Amino acid sequence: MNKYEQIAQDIYNDIASGKYEPGSQLALEKEMCAQYGVSRITVKRAVDELV
């Protein structure tokens, strides 16, 4: 599994579990980059996969 796919799956699971309420904002790209140890491009691709 690619890193962006793993991040997308984590975000999806957080949404499905109710961590993010409808209309709430996801963590900032910079925070996700630090959390996963990846570049902005990887985080952006993960979010784009979900959109």
Protein backbone atom coordinates (compact mmCIF):
# COMPACT_ATOMS: atom_id res chain seq x y z
CA MET A 1 0.00 0.00 0.00
CA ASN A 2 1.35 3.43 -0.93
CA LYS A 3 1.85 5.99 1.83
CA TYR A 4 -0.85 8.31 0.43
CA GLU A 5 -3.31 5.39 0.37
CA GLN A 6 -2.54 4.63 4.01
CA ILE A 7 -3.06 8.27 4.97
CA ALA A 8 -6.32 8.43 3.00
CA GLN A 9 -7.51 5.28 4.77
CA ASP A 10 -6.62 6.75 8.17
CA ILE A 11 -8.53 9.96 7.39
CA TYR A 12 -11.51 7.95 6.11
CA ASN A 13 -11.52 5.86 9.31
CA ASP A 14 -11.38 9.02 11.43
CA ILE A 15 -14.38 10.43 9.56
CA ALA A 16 -16.32 7.16 9.80
CA SER A 17 -15.62 6.84 13.54
CA GLY A 18 -16.95 10.34 14.22
CA LYS A 19 -13.64 12.01 15.04
CA TYR A 20 -14.53 14.66 12.47
CA GLU A 21 -18.08 15.99 12.65
CA PRO A 22 -19.87 17.06 9.45
CA GLY A 23 -18.64 20.52 8.48
CA SER A 24 -15.54 20.36 10.65
CA GLN A 25 -12.05 20.99 9.34
CA LEU A 26 -9.41 18.30 8.91
CA ALA A 27 -5.99 18.76 10.44
CA LEU A 28 -3.76 21.20 8.58
CA GLU A 29 -1.52 19.82 5.84
CA LYS A 30 1.54 20.88 7.83
CA GLU A 31 0.33 18.92 10.88
CA MET A 32 -0.40 15.81 8.81
CA CYS A 33 3.05 16.08 7.18
CA ALA A 34 4.65 16.05 10.62
CA GLN A 35 2.38 13.27 11.90
CA TYR A 36 3.11 10.92 8.98
CA GLY A 37 6.62 12.12 8.11
CA VAL A 38 5.74 12.84 4.48
CA SER A 39 5.70 15.79 2.07
CA ARG A 40 2.78 18.14 1.40
CA ILE A 41 2.32 16.51 -2.00
CA THR A 42 1.71 13.12 -0.38
CA VAL A 43 -0.84 14.57 2.05
CA LYS A 44 -2.55 16.48 -0.75
CA ARG A 45 -2.79 13.33 -2.85
CA ALA A 46 -4.32 11.43 0.08
CA VAL A 47 -6.97 14.13 0.58
CA ASP A 48 -7.63 14.30 -3.17
CA GLU A 49 -8.28 10.55 -3.14
CA LEU A 50 -11.05 11.10 -0.60
CA VAL A 51 -12.62 14.02 -2.43
